[in-house]
Amino acid sequence: MKKIEKKQSSSEMRHLFGTQHDYAQMFQMIWGFTISQIVHAAALYSLPEHLGQGRATPAEIAAAESLNVDATFRFMRTCASIGLLTYDGHAKFAATPLLNTLRTDDPNSMRGPALQLPGRGHWSPWGNLSDALKTGEPQSVATLGRPVWEYLADTPAESAAFTATMKSTSFVIDREAAELVETQSVRVAVDIGGASGTLLHALMKKNPALQGVVFDLAHVVPSAIKAAADLGLHDRFSAVAGDFFVSVPPADLYLLKLILHDWNDDACISILKNCRRAVHPGGRIVVVEMLIGEIGTPGFAPLIDLDMLVMLGGRERNLEEYKALITAAGFRFSLATPTSTPFVLIEAVAV
């Protein structure tokens, strides 16, 4: 009986819509928001940690997290239906490898994105996508009462989740960048808007002589200092609070990972010009971004482009558009290096 039920469950959506595959696929797209919120709750209430030592009942989870017992049972039953939990048939649930990608002790943990992206600071502006399409303007002020960066500064938990998201989405690209970006001629590298500084750390570990600086907003500085100390890099590292629209610290190399896509063209040129003013002679920049491909090409960049529209008023760009920004700020494009990830390393030198 269990085997038959499982088979029925896996094809339930197809049965609901008969042979109309497109309708079934569309219904899954529409219903997708529920999965985001389920994963968010699983991370928020530390489900993988509670189940780390084995099986547990909904009552035990509810007691640990001060939740309603019946609601917790229904939640865990749903988690089992989407592959996050297994059920032993005797009131206890266990974690699956999929759920364990949210564990806090996993260096590649998806807990940060699970807390941040379906959280209020990201979720609410996306609820106003229709207004963003009408106005062409981001929706954070309309839904959160202030721009995203101010909101994060006022909400430490979401700010920490954002930093964790940047870290978890950066692991592979940071490791590759350490191999691809030349730093032997660099004495000081500044990570502009670097959050916890994962890209900078990778370069510093590769080059023991490299001095590193994370330049970010004041509420980010403590986490950046801690992250460097945890890696034993504190003697060559510093974190500086400031506004990259005003000025940036002097350096031989500026790292701008997922920074320019946050802003419109004029703002990008302003950031890059401040780097150009402060860069040491012969210095350079490395821009790390996704590139927009041909229309209709499957990929993540168009989704992120809409995210930038809704959240910040920025945009994803193609290589020629980045070259134009770089040139306008007084740098000369030198090369674009693809990686095994969707990201490209775009390098330019001061002229």
Protein backbone atom coordinates (compact mmCIF):
# COMPACT_ATOMS: atom_id res chain seq x y z
CA MET A 1 0.00 0.00 0.00
CA LYS A 2 2.79 2.47 0.89
CA LYS A 3 4.49 1.86 -2.47
CA ILE A 4 1.26 2.57 -4.35
CA GLU A 5 0.65 5.74 -2.32
CA LYS A 6 4.14 7.00 -3.10
CA LYS A 7 3.65 6.41 -6.80
CA GLN A 8 0.31 8.19 -6.71
CA SER A 9 1.84 11.12 -4.86
CA SER A 10 4.66 11.59 -7.36
CA SER A 11 2.19 11.82 -10.27
CA GLU A 12 -0.57 13.62 -8.40
CA MET A 13 -0.10 16.93 -10.18
CA ARG A 14 -0.27 15.22 -13.57
CA HIS A 15 -3.44 13.40 -12.55
CA LEU A 16 -4.97 16.64 -11.28
CA PHE A 17 -4.62 18.23 -14.71
CA GLY A 18 -4.92 15.11 -16.85
CA THR A 19 -2.73 15.32 -19.96
CA GLN A 20 -2.40 19.09 -19.78
CA HIS A 21 1.29 19.27 -18.87
CA ASP A 22 1.54 23.03 -19.34
CA TYR A 23 -1.29 23.62 -16.87
CA ALA A 24 0.30 21.33 -14.31
CA GLN A 25 3.64 23.10 -14.70
CA MET A 26 1.99 26.49 -14.38
CA PHE A 27 0.17 25.43 -11.21
CA GLN A 28 3.48 24.32 -9.71
CA MET A 29 5.00 27.70 -10.55
CA ILE A 30 2.10 29.54 -8.94
CA TRP A 31 2.26 27.37 -5.83
CA GLY A 32 6.04 27.70 -5.54
CA PHE A 33 5.84 30.40 -2.85
CA THR A 34 4.72 27.78 -0.33
CA ILE A 35 7.96 25.83 -0.72
CA SER A 36 10.03 28.94 -0.03
CA GLN A 37 8.16 29.59 3.20
CA ILE A 38 8.36 25.96 4.33
CA VAL A 39 12.14 25.95 3.86
CA HIS A 40 12.32 29.32 5.63
CA ALA A 41 10.46 27.93 8.66
CA ALA A 42 12.60 24.79 8.71
CA ALA A 43 15.73 26.94 8.94
CA LEU A 44 14.21 29.47 11.35
CA TYR A 45 13.19 26.76 13.83
CA SER A 46 16.47 24.84 13.45
CA LEU A 47 14.87 21.65 12.21
CA PRO A 48 18.14 20.09 10.95
CA GLU A 49 19.87 20.80 14.25
CA HIS A 50 17.04 19.30 16.33
CA LEU A 51 17.10 16.19 14.16
CA GLY A 52 20.87 16.00 13.97
CA GLN A 53 21.09 13.26 16.60
CA GLY A 54 18.34 11.11 15.09
CA ARG A 55 14.57 10.99 15.05
CA ALA A 56 12.20 13.28 16.97
CA THR A 57 8.48 13.71 17.40
CA PRO A 58 6.60 16.89 16.50
CA ALA A 59 5.87 17.36 20.22
CA GLU A 60 9.60 17.38 20.99
CA ILE A 61 10.30 19.94 18.26
CA ALA A 62 7.36 22.07 19.37
CA ALA A 63 8.59 22.06 22.97
CA ALA A 64 12.12 23.02 21.93
CA GLU A 65 10.94 25.96 19.81
CA SER A 66 7.77 27.01 21.71
CA LEU A 67 5.50 26.06 18.80
CA ASN A 68 1.96 24.72 18.60
CA VAL A 69 2.10 20.91 18.64
CA ASP A 70 -0.65 20.27 16.09
CA ALA A 71 0.71 22.89 13.70
CA THR A 72 4.21 21.43 14.07
CA PHE A 73 2.95 17.94 13.21
CA ARG A 74 1.20 19.24 10.10
CA PHE A 75 4.32 21.20 9.14
CA MET A 76 6.60 18.18 9.53
CA ARG A 77 4.18 15.99 7.62
CA THR A 78 4.38 18.48 4.76
CA CYS A 79 8.17 18.55 5.01
CA ALA A 80 8.14 14.79 4.57
CA SER A 81 5.99 15.15 1.45
CA ILE A 82 8.57 17.41 -0.25
CA GLY A 83 11.65 15.43 0.71
CA LEU A 84 12.94 17.33 3.73
CA LEU A 85 12.04 14.64 6.29
CA THR A 86 11.38 10.93 6.50
CA TYR A 87 8.79 9.29 8.75
CA ASP A 88 9.28 6.03 10.63
CA GLY A 89 5.56 5.19 10.86
CA HIS A 90 5.66 5.48 14.66
CA ALA A 91 5.36 9.24 15.35
CA LYS A 92 9.02 10.17 14.71
CA PHE A 93 10.63 12.07 11.86
CA ALA A 94 14.26 12.23 10.68
CA ALA A 95 16.24 14.66 8.51
CA THR A 96 17.13 13.92 4.90
CA PRO A 97 20.36 15.03 3.19
CA LEU A 98 18.30 17.76 1.53
CA LEU A 99 17.24 19.23 4.88
CA ASN A 100 20.82 18.98 6.13
CA THR A 101 21.95 21.52 3.54
CA LEU A 102 20.46 24.02 6.03
CA ARG A 103 22.71 22.95 8.92
CA THR A 104 24.65 25.73 10.60
CA ASP A 105 27.82 23.62 10.82
CA ASP A 106 27.96 23.02 7.06
CA PRO A 107 30.53 25.41 5.50
CA ASN A 108 28.35 25.54 2.37
CA SER A 109 25.10 25.87 4.32
CA MET A 110 22.00 27.21 2.59
CA ARG A 111 20.64 28.45 5.93
CA GLY A 112 21.47 32.08 5.09
CA PRO A 113 19.45 32.16 1.84
CA ALA A 114 16.64 30.19 3.51
CA LEU A 115 16.34 32.84 6.21
CA GLN A 116 16.97 35.90 4.06
CA LEU A 117 15.23 35.43 0.72
CA PRO A 118 11.80 34.34 2.05
CA GLY A 119 12.18 36.74 5.01
CA ARG A 120 10.28 40.01 5.30
CA GLY A 121 13.04 42.23 3.92
CA HIS A 122 13.13 40.36 0.62
CA TRP A 123 9.68 38.81 0.49
CA SER A 124 7.70 42.03 0.95
CA PRO A 125 9.22 44.02 -1.95
CA TRP A 126 8.71 41.04 -4.29
CA GLY A 127 5.03 41.15 -3.39
CA ASN A 128 4.99 44.51 -5.21
CA LEU A 129 6.50 43.24 -8.47
CA SER A 130 3.45 44.49 -10.37
CA ASP A 131 4.11 48.02 -9.08
CA ALA A 132 7.80 47.78 -10.00
CA LEU A 133 6.76 46.92 -13.56
CA LYS A 134 4.52 49.98 -13.68
CA THR A 135 7.02 52.44 -12.26
CA GLY A 136 10.43 50.91 -13.00
CA GLU A 137 11.32 51.68 -9.38
CA PRO A 138 12.38 49.39 -6.50
CA GLN A 139 9.71 48.58 -3.93
CA SER A 140 11.64 48.45 -0.66
CA VAL A 141 10.57 51.92 0.48
CA ALA A 142 6.93 51.18 -0.34
CA THR A 143 6.92 47.92 1.62
CA LEU A 144 9.64 48.31 4.26
CA GLY A 145 9.46 52.06 4.83
CA ARG A 146 13.09 52.64 3.82
CA PRO A 147 15.76 51.46 1.36
CA VAL A 148 16.98 47.88 1.76
CA TRP A 149 20.41 48.79 3.16
CA GLU A 150 18.82 50.98 5.87
CA TYR A 151 16.34 48.20 6.66
CA LEU A 152 19.16 45.68 7.08
CA ALA A 153 21.08 48.07 9.32
CA ASP A 154 18.01 48.22 11.59
CA THR A 155 17.33 44.45 11.60
CA PRO A 156 20.41 42.57 12.84
CA ALA A 157 18.96 39.09 12.29
CA GLU A 158 18.17 39.77 8.63
CA SER A 159 21.49 41.53 8.18
CA ALA A 160 23.29 38.44 9.51
CA ALA A 161 21.22 36.26 7.17
CA PHE A 162 22.17 38.49 4.23
CA THR A 163 25.86 38.18 5.08
CA ALA A 164 25.46 34.41 5.37
CA THR A 165 23.73 34.36 1.98
CA MET A 166 26.64 36.18 0.38
CA LYS A 167 29.02 33.68 1.96
CA SER A 168 27.10 30.58 0.90
CA THR A 169 26.67 31.76 -2.69
CA SER A 170 30.34 32.72 -2.94
CA PHE A 171 32.17 29.56 -1.90
CA VAL A 172 33.01 28.18 -5.36
CA ILE A 173 33.64 31.51 -7.08
CA ASP A 174 35.92 32.69 -4.26
CA ARG A 175 37.99 29.52 -4.48
CA GLU A 176 38.32 29.86 -8.25
CA ALA A 177 39.11 33.58 -8.03
CA ALA A 178 42.03 32.81 -5.74
CA GLU A 179 43.50 30.75 -8.57
CA LEU A 180 42.59 33.11 -11.41
CA VAL A 181 43.31 36.59 -10.00
CA GLU A 182 46.98 37.55 -9.90
CA THR A 183 47.95 39.17 -6.58
CA GLN A 184 51.72 38.72 -6.45
CA SER A 185 52.16 42.34 -7.54
CA VAL A 186 49.50 43.52 -5.07
CA ARG A 187 50.33 44.82 -1.61
CA VAL A 188 46.86 45.98 -0.51
CA ALA A 189 43.49 44.72 -1.76
CA VAL A 190 40.20 46.35 -0.75
CA ASP A 191 36.95 44.38 -0.94
CA ILE A 192 34.31 47.02 -1.73
CA GLY A 193 31.03 46.18 -0.01
CA GLY A 194 32.68 42.88 0.87
CA ALA A 195 30.36 41.80 3.71
CA SER A 196 32.26 39.09 5.63
CA GLY A 197 35.10 39.26 3.09
CA THR A 198 35.05 35.72 1.69
CA LEU A 199 36.61 36.65 -1.66
CA LEU A 200 39.30 38.68 0.05
CA HIS A 201 40.04 35.84 2.47
CA ALA A 202 40.52 33.41 -0.43
CA LEU A 203 43.07 35.73 -2.02
CA MET A 204 44.85 36.31 1.29
CA LYS A 205 45.14 32.58 1.94
CA LYS A 206 46.62 32.13 -1.54
CA ASN A 207 49.08 35.03 -1.06
CA PRO A 208 50.55 35.17 2.49
CA ALA A 209 51.93 38.68 1.89
CA LEU A 210 48.64 40.26 0.84
CA GLN A 211 47.11 42.90 3.12
CA GLY A 212 43.29 42.91 2.99
CA VAL A 213 40.63 45.49 3.80
CA VAL A 214 36.85 45.02 3.81
CA PHE A 215 35.10 48.33 3.16
CA ASP A 216 31.40 48.23 4.03
CA LEU A 217 28.68 49.80 6.15
CA ALA A 218 29.25 50.16 9.89
CA HIS A 219 26.86 47.37 10.93
CA VAL A 220 28.83 44.90 8.76
CA VAL A 221 32.27 45.62 10.22
CA PRO A 222 32.04 43.40 13.35
CA SER A 223 31.13 40.29 11.35
CA ALA A 224 33.95 40.97 8.89
CA ILE A 225 36.49 41.28 11.70
CA LYS A 226 35.25 38.08 13.31
CA ALA A 227 35.34 36.16 10.02
CA ALA A 228 38.96 37.13 9.41
CA ALA A 229 39.94 36.29 12.99
CA ASP A 230 38.29 32.87 12.71
CA LEU A 231 40.55 32.15 9.73
CA GLY A 232 43.69 33.42 11.46
CA LEU A 233 44.01 36.35 9.05
CA HIS A 234 43.52 39.14 11.58
CA ASP A 235 47.16 40.28 11.50
CA ARG A 236 46.89 41.19 7.79
CA PHE A 237 43.27 42.28 7.79
CA SER A 238 41.21 45.33 8.68
CA ALA A 239 37.57 46.35 8.23
CA VAL A 240 36.70 49.97 7.51
CA ALA A 241 33.23 51.52 7.68
CA GLY A 242 32.27 54.02 5.06
CA ASP A 243 30.22 55.00 2.01
CA PHE A 244 31.64 54.03 -1.37
CA PHE A 245 29.69 56.87 -2.97
CA VAL A 246 31.86 59.30 -1.00
CA SER A 247 35.32 57.72 -1.03
CA VAL A 248 37.17 54.41 -0.68
CA PRO A 249 40.48 53.50 0.99
CA PRO A 250 43.61 53.50 -1.19
CA ALA A 251 44.64 50.15 -2.67
CA ASP A 252 46.48 48.35 -5.44
CA LEU A 253 43.48 46.15 -6.19
CA TYR A 254 39.75 46.71 -5.72
CA LEU A 255 37.37 43.77 -5.58
CA LEU A 256 33.75 44.49 -6.52
CA LYS A 257 31.84 41.24 -6.18
CA LEU A 258 28.09 41.54 -6.78
CA ILE A 259 28.24 45.29 -6.16
CA LEU A 260 27.69 47.01 -9.50
CA HIS A 261 24.54 45.03 -10.29
CA ASP A 262 22.92 46.65 -7.25
CA TRP A 263 22.98 50.10 -8.87
CA ASN A 264 21.97 52.06 -11.95
CA ASP A 265 24.61 53.20 -14.46
CA ASP A 266 25.28 56.61 -12.92
CA ALA A 267 25.74 55.12 -9.46
CA CYS A 268 28.08 52.45 -10.82
CA ILE A 269 30.24 55.07 -12.51
CA SER A 270 30.35 57.05 -9.26
CA ILE A 271 31.60 53.98 -7.33
CA LEU A 272 34.17 53.17 -10.00
CA LYS A 273 35.39 56.78 -10.18
CA ASN A 274 36.01 56.76 -6.42
CA CYS A 275 38.10 53.62 -6.93
CA ARG A 276 39.97 55.35 -9.75
CA ARG A 277 40.73 58.37 -7.57
CA ALA A 278 42.10 56.26 -4.73
CA VAL A 279 43.89 53.50 -6.64
CA HIS A 280 47.66 53.34 -6.50
CA PRO A 281 49.51 53.91 -9.83
CA GLY A 282 49.17 50.87 -12.05
CA GLY A 283 46.39 49.48 -9.87
CA ARG A 284 43.34 47.61 -11.10
CA ILE A 285 39.83 46.41 -10.36
CA VAL A 286 38.21 42.98 -10.50
CA VAL A 287 34.45 43.02 -11.02
CA VAL A 288 32.62 39.76 -10.29
CA GLU A 289 29.16 39.56 -11.84
CA MET A 290 26.81 37.38 -13.87
CA LEU A 291 26.42 38.36 -17.49
CA ILE A 292 23.09 38.58 -19.28
CA GLY A 293 23.05 36.26 -22.30
CA GLU A 294 20.93 36.11 -25.41
CA ILE A 295 17.18 36.45 -24.87
CA GLY A 296 15.59 33.08 -24.24
CA THR A 297 18.79 31.47 -23.03
CA PRO A 298 18.09 29.50 -19.83
CA GLY A 299 19.95 30.90 -16.86
CA PHE A 300 19.81 32.54 -13.46
CA ALA A 301 20.84 36.05 -14.56
CA PRO A 302 17.41 37.18 -15.82
CA LEU A 303 15.84 36.19 -12.48
CA ILE A 304 18.49 38.14 -10.59
CA ASP A 305 17.91 41.06 -12.94
CA LEU A 306 14.27 41.22 -11.81
CA ASP A 307 15.44 40.88 -8.21
CA MET A 308 17.60 43.96 -8.71
CA LEU A 309 14.63 45.83 -10.20
CA VAL A 310 12.36 44.99 -7.28
CA MET A 311 14.84 45.32 -4.44
CA LEU A 312 17.39 47.97 -5.35
CA GLY A 313 16.84 49.58 -8.73
CA GLY A 314 19.95 47.91 -10.15
CA ARG A 315 20.29 45.53 -13.08
CA GLU A 316 22.27 42.68 -14.59
CA ARG A 317 24.31 43.60 -17.68
CA ASN A 318 26.17 42.09 -20.61
CA LEU A 319 29.93 42.42 -21.01
CA GLU A 320 29.75 45.40 -23.35
CA GLU A 321 27.66 47.31 -20.82
CA TYR A 322 30.22 46.63 -18.09
CA LYS A 323 33.02 47.71 -20.39
CA ALA A 324 31.22 51.02 -20.96
CA LEU A 325 30.91 51.65 -17.21
CA ILE A 326 34.56 50.78 -16.63
CA THR A 327 35.75 53.05 -19.43
CA ALA A 328 33.60 55.96 -18.26
CA ALA A 329 35.27 55.76 -14.84
CA GLY A 330 38.86 55.93 -16.14
CA PHE A 331 39.80 52.25 -16.31
CA ARG A 332 40.80 50.19 -19.33
CA PHE A 333 39.21 46.77 -19.74
CA SER A 334 41.84 44.03 -19.85
CA LEU A 335 40.11 40.65 -19.72
CA ALA A 336 36.98 38.70 -18.78
CA THR A 337 37.55 35.26 -17.30
CA PRO A 338 34.67 32.77 -17.14
CA THR A 339 34.40 30.39 -14.21
CA SER A 340 32.63 27.09 -13.57
CA THR A 341 29.86 29.14 -11.92
CA PRO A 342 27.50 31.66 -13.59
CA PHE A 343 29.96 34.42 -12.59
CA VAL A 344 32.63 36.10 -14.72
CA LEU A 345 35.76 37.92 -13.49
CA ILE A 346 36.06 41.25 -15.31
CA GLU A 347 39.45 42.95 -14.88
CA ALA A 348 40.49 46.49 -15.76
CA VAL A 349 43.53 48.69 -15.10
CA ALA A 350 43.72 52.38 -14.23
CA VAL A 351 44.61 54.71 -17.10
